Amino acid sequence: MDHEKKIIENHLFSDTSRYQDIIDLPRHVSKAHLPISRHNRAGQFAPFSALTGYHQLIDKTAERYQNKQYPTKEQSIQIHGTLKRLNGQSSVEINYFNSNSGYYETITVSFMKVDWQRGRAKFSDAVDPQKNYSIPIANIRSIRNLPSKK
């Protein structure tokens, strides 16, 4: 039955006999209007840019992220393992991609906690405990546990 249906549909949709009277006529050219350029015709079908400045924002963000190196699976496993082993008072040195500057930075901080659901690690500044960092785990390139000072 499926094969018969295909044959019928093929016959219905490929039958051009109804258009034989116009099929060989030349294309109509208006005498009242000049022909539109290909560029302007294409512009009629271009998407409407409702968000002015959106493309510039995308380009700026892409430029900032051009320095980012995405971690390999092995690096991700090692970083996750290190984060799981840290306790609340561990002092660590983190090399991470700062999405605001577009460069990698190394900071020495005190570990606070990991929010696994949001994929972020939280740290407090070693010098100024009031200053906190919330770093996406995917942006961490390396993390090194520092020996505790006693």
C-alpha atoms as a PDB file:
ATOM      1  CA  MET A   1       0.000   0.000   0.000  1.00  0.00           C
ATOM      2  CA  ASP A   2       2.869   2.353   0.782  1.00  0.00           C
ATOM      3  CA  HIS A   3       4.395   1.838  -2.677  1.00  0.00           C
ATOM      4  CA  GLU A   4       1.078   2.636  -4.364  1.00  0.00           C
ATOM      5  CA  LYS A   5       0.741   5.809  -2.320  1.00  0.00           C
ATOM      6  CA  LYS A   6       4.194   6.967  -3.458  1.00  0.00           C
ATOM      7  CA  ILE A   7       3.308   6.373  -7.098  1.00  0.00           C
ATOM      8  CA  ILE A   8       0.068   8.355  -6.789  1.00  0.00           C
ATOM      9  CA  GLU A   9       1.815  11.257  -4.974  1.00  0.00           C
ATOM     10  CA  ASN A  10       4.625  11.270  -7.512  1.00  0.00           C
ATOM     11  CA  HIS A  11       2.115  11.467 -10.356  1.00  0.00           C
ATOM     12  CA  LEU A  12       0.106  14.255  -8.669  1.00  0.00           C
ATOM     13  CA  PHE A  13       3.061  16.439  -7.750  1.00  0.00           C
ATOM     14  CA  SER A  14       5.186  15.974 -10.865  1.00  0.00           C
ATOM     15  CA  ASP A  15       2.339  16.455 -13.338  1.00  0.00           C
ATOM     16  CA  THR A  16       2.929  19.814 -15.043  1.00  0.00           C
ATOM     17  CA  SER A  17       0.364  19.324 -17.806  1.00  0.00           C
ATOM     18  CA  ARG A  18      -1.908  21.974 -16.277  1.00  0.00           C
ATOM     19  CA  TYR A  19       0.793  24.606 -16.893  1.00  0.00           C
ATOM     20  CA  GLN A  20       1.658  23.787 -20.523  1.00  0.00           C
ATOM     21  CA  ASP A  21       0.049  27.019 -21.735  1.00  0.00           C
ATOM     22  CA  ILE A  22       2.425  29.222 -19.708  1.00  0.00           C
ATOM     23  CA  ILE A  23       5.479  27.028 -19.203  1.00  0.00           C
ATOM     24  CA  ASP A  24       7.388  28.291 -22.261  1.00  0.00           C
ATOM     25  CA  LEU A  25       6.399  31.959 -22.033  1.00  0.00           C
ATOM     26  CA  PRO A  26       9.213  34.483 -21.428  1.00  0.00           C
ATOM     27  CA  ARG A  27       9.582  35.976 -17.958  1.00  0.00           C
ATOM     28  CA  HIS A  28       7.545  39.140 -17.454  1.00  0.00           C
ATOM     29  CA  VAL A  29       9.567  42.366 -17.333  1.00  0.00           C
ATOM     30  CA  SER A  30       7.809  45.401 -15.899  1.00  0.00           C
ATOM     31  CA  LYS A  31       7.699  48.544 -18.035  1.00  0.00           C
ATOM     32  CA  ALA A  32       6.775  50.702 -15.036  1.00  0.00           C
ATOM     33  CA  HIS A  33       9.552  49.676 -12.617  1.00  0.00           C
ATOM     34  CA  LEU A  34      13.301  49.264 -12.964  1.00  0.00           C
ATOM     35  CA  PRO A  35      14.618  45.800 -12.183  1.00  0.00           C
ATOM     36  CA  ILE A  36      15.800  45.331  -8.605  1.00  0.00           C
ATOM     37  CA  SER A  37      19.468  44.480  -8.007  1.00  0.00           C
ATOM     38  CA  ARG A  38      20.373  41.023  -6.706  1.00  0.00           C
ATOM     39  CA  HIS A  39      21.753  42.617  -3.530  1.00  0.00           C
ATOM     40  CA  ASN A  40      18.488  44.454  -2.783  1.00  0.00           C
ATOM     41  CA  ARG A  41      16.402  41.403  -3.656  1.00  0.00           C
ATOM     42  CA  ALA A  42      18.466  39.309  -1.213  1.00  0.00           C
ATOM     43  CA  GLY A  43      17.993  42.015   1.419  1.00  0.00           C
ATOM     44  CA  GLN A  44      14.241  41.532   1.269  1.00  0.00           C
ATOM     45  CA  PHE A  45      14.691  38.024   2.567  1.00  0.00           C
ATOM     46  CA  ALA A  46      17.356  38.820   5.185  1.00  0.00           C
ATOM     47  CA  PRO A  47      16.302  38.374   8.819  1.00  0.00           C
ATOM     48  CA  PHE A  48      14.942  41.420  10.576  1.00  0.00           C
ATOM     49  CA  SER A  49      17.551  42.750  13.002  1.00  0.00           C
ATOM     50  CA  ALA A  50      15.384  43.718  15.952  1.00  0.00           C
ATOM     51  CA  LEU A  51      18.337  43.727  18.345  1.00  0.00           C
ATOM     52  CA  THR A  52      20.557  46.584  17.269  1.00  0.00           C
ATOM     53  CA  GLY A  53      24.141  46.075  18.373  1.00  0.00           C
ATOM     54  CA  TYR A  54      23.650  42.334  18.927  1.00  0.00           C
ATOM     55  CA  HIS A  55      26.143  41.308  16.244  1.00  0.00           C
ATOM     56  CA  GLN A  56      28.768  43.709  17.632  1.00  0.00           C
ATOM     57  CA  LEU A  57      28.255  42.210  21.099  1.00  0.00           C
ATOM     58  CA  ILE A  58      28.708  38.685  19.732  1.00  0.00           C
ATOM     59  CA  ASP A  59      31.880  39.735  17.896  1.00  0.00           C
ATOM     60  CA  LYS A  60      33.271  41.404  21.027  1.00  0.00           C
ATOM     61  CA  THR A  61      32.569  38.308  23.141  1.00  0.00           C
ATOM     62  CA  ALA A  62      34.136  36.034  20.526  1.00  0.00           C
ATOM     63  CA  GLU A  63      37.220  38.244  20.507  1.00  0.00           C
ATOM     64  CA  ARG A  64      37.487  37.963  24.313  1.00  0.00           C
ATOM     65  CA  TYR A  65      37.197  34.171  24.175  1.00  0.00           C
ATOM     66  CA  GLN A  66      39.758  33.649  21.405  1.00  0.00           C
ATOM     67  CA  ASN A  67      42.485  33.055  24.042  1.00  0.00           C
ATOM     68  CA  LYS A  68      40.518  30.378  25.892  1.00  0.00           C
ATOM     69  CA  GLN A  69      41.829  26.832  25.724  1.00  0.00           C
ATOM     70  CA  TYR A  70      39.215  24.219  26.488  1.00  0.00           C
ATOM     71  CA  PRO A  71      40.377  21.454  28.853  1.00  0.00           C
ATOM     72  CA  THR A  72      40.823  17.896  27.680  1.00  0.00           C
ATOM     73  CA  LYS A  73      38.806  15.117  29.307  1.00  0.00           C
ATOM     74  CA  GLU A  74      41.863  14.104  31.380  1.00  0.00           C
ATOM     75  CA  GLN A  75      42.385  17.684  32.607  1.00  0.00           C
ATOM     76  CA  SER A  76      38.700  17.962  33.556  1.00  0.00           C
ATOM     77  CA  ILE A  77      38.868  14.699  35.517  1.00  0.00           C
ATOM     78  CA  GLN A  78      41.996  15.887  37.347  1.00  0.00           C
ATOM     79  CA  ILE A  79      40.450  19.288  38.219  1.00  0.00           C
ATOM     80  CA  HIS A  80      37.208  17.655  39.443  1.00  0.00           C
ATOM     81  CA  GLY A  81      39.236  15.214  41.558  1.00  0.00           C
ATOM     82  CA  THR A  82      41.290  18.006  43.106  1.00  0.00           C
ATOM     83  CA  LEU A  83      38.148  20.022  43.907  1.00  0.00           C
ATOM     84  CA  LYS A  84      36.557  16.974  45.579  1.00  0.00           C
ATOM     85  CA  ARG A  85      39.639  16.475  47.803  1.00  0.00           C
ATOM     86  CA  LEU A  86      39.830  20.080  49.012  1.00  0.00           C
ATOM     87  CA  ASN A  87      38.513  20.969  52.448  1.00  0.00           C
ATOM     88  CA  GLY A  88      37.073  24.275  53.641  1.00  0.00           C
ATOM     89  CA  GLN A  89      40.369  25.869  54.723  1.00  0.00           C
ATOM     90  CA  SER A  90      42.646  24.757  51.892  1.00  0.00           C
ATOM     91  CA  SER A  91      44.833  27.413  50.357  1.00  0.00           C
ATOM     92  CA  VAL A  92      45.107  26.905  46.600  1.00  0.00           C
ATOM     93  CA  GLU A  93      46.703  28.459  43.558  1.00  0.00           C
ATOM     94  CA  ILE A  94      44.319  28.560  40.615  1.00  0.00           C
ATOM     95  CA  ASN A  95      45.070  29.308  36.994  1.00  0.00           C
ATOM     96  CA  TYR A  96      41.771  30.156  35.340  1.00  0.00           C
ATOM     97  CA  PHE A  97      40.316  31.912  32.321  1.00  0.00           C
ATOM     98  CA  ASN A  98      38.881  35.281  33.334  1.00  0.00           C
ATOM     99  CA  SER A  99      35.984  35.875  30.943  1.00  0.00           C
ATOM    100  CA  ASN A 100      35.983  39.609  31.779  1.00  0.00           C
ATOM    101  CA  SER A 101      39.573  40.225  30.696  1.00  0.00           C
ATOM    102  CA  GLY A 102      39.833  37.426  28.112  1.00  0.00           C
ATOM    103  CA  TYR A 103      43.109  36.147  29.601  1.00  0.00           C
ATOM    104  CA  TYR A 104      44.291  33.496  32.009  1.00  0.00           C
ATOM    105  CA  GLU A 105      45.063  34.646  35.542  1.00  0.00           C
ATOM    106  CA  THR A 106      46.714  32.929  38.476  1.00  0.00           C
ATOM    107  CA  ILE A 107      45.436  33.728  41.957  1.00  0.00           C
ATOM    108  CA  THR A 108      46.111  32.400  45.453  1.00  0.00           C
ATOM    109  CA  VAL A 109      42.841  31.924  47.338  1.00  0.00           C
ATOM    110  CA  SER A 110      41.201  29.961  50.130  1.00  0.00           C
ATOM    111  CA  PHE A 111      38.793  27.259  49.031  1.00  0.00           C
ATOM    112  CA  MET A 112      35.201  27.701  50.221  1.00  0.00           C
ATOM    113  CA  LYS A 113      32.936  25.247  48.385  1.00  0.00           C
ATOM    114  CA  VAL A 114      31.897  23.781  45.038  1.00  0.00           C
ATOM    115  CA  ASP A 115      28.421  24.254  43.633  1.00  0.00           C
ATOM    116  CA  TRP A 116      28.295  21.176  41.398  1.00  0.00           C
ATOM    117  CA  GLN A 117      24.815  21.959  40.071  1.00  0.00           C
ATOM    118  CA  ARG A 118      25.869  25.375  38.785  1.00  0.00           C
ATOM    119  CA  GLY A 119      29.364  24.183  37.823  1.00  0.00           C
ATOM    120  CA  ARG A 120      31.126  26.849  39.894  1.00  0.00           C
ATOM    121  CA  ALA A 121      33.846  26.796  42.546  1.00  0.00           C
ATOM    122  CA  LYS A 122      33.781  29.455  45.265  1.00  0.00           C
ATOM    123  CA  PHE A 123      36.899  30.905  46.857  1.00  0.00           C
ATOM    124  CA  SER A 124      37.830  33.781  49.149  1.00  0.00           C
ATOM    125  CA  ASP A 125      40.854  35.995  48.628  1.00  0.00           C
ATOM    126  CA  ALA A 126      43.848  34.943  50.749  1.00  0.00           C
ATOM    127  CA  VAL A 127      44.734  38.584  51.504  1.00  0.00           C
ATOM    128  CA  ASP A 128      41.222  40.085  51.751  1.00  0.00           C
ATOM    129  CA  PRO A 129      38.749  37.451  53.063  1.00  0.00           C
ATOM    130  CA  GLN A 130      35.839  39.788  52.229  1.00  0.00           C
ATOM    131  CA  LYS A 131      36.626  39.433  48.516  1.00  0.00           C
ATOM    132  CA  ASN A 132      35.072  36.303  47.002  1.00  0.00           C
ATOM    133  CA  TYR A 133      35.515  34.575  43.663  1.00  0.00           C
ATOM    134  CA  SER A 134      32.966  32.376  41.901  1.00  0.00           C
ATOM    135  CA  ILE A 135      34.775  30.682  39.032  1.00  0.00           C
ATOM    136  CA  PRO A 136      33.171  28.367  36.456  1.00  0.00           C
ATOM    137  CA  ILE A 137      34.806  24.949  36.813  1.00  0.00           C
ATOM    138  CA  ALA A 138      35.122  24.782  33.013  1.00  0.00           C
ATOM    139  CA  ASN A 139      37.355  27.901  33.128  1.00  0.00           C
ATOM    140  CA  ILE A 140      39.879  26.385  35.571  1.00  0.00           C
ATOM    141  CA  ARG A 141      43.043  25.305  33.773  1.00  0.00           C
ATOM    142  CA  SER A 142      44.948  24.123  36.844  1.00  0.00           C
ATOM    143  CA  ILE A 143      44.503  24.018  40.582  1.00  0.00           C
ATOM    144  CA  ARG A 144      47.312  23.370  43.048  1.00  0.00           C
ATOM    145  CA  ASN A 145      46.880  22.743  46.751  1.00  0.00           C
ATOM    146  CA  LEU A 146      49.373  24.893  48.699  1.00  0.00           C
ATOM    147  CA  PRO A 147      50.966  23.677  51.937  1.00  0.00           C
ATOM    148  CA  SER A 148      49.241  25.093  55.004  1.00  0.00           C
ATOM    149  CA  LYS A 149      51.124  27.759  56.983  1.00  0.00           C
ATOM    150  CA  LYS A 150      51.395  26.963  60.693  1.00  0.00           C
END
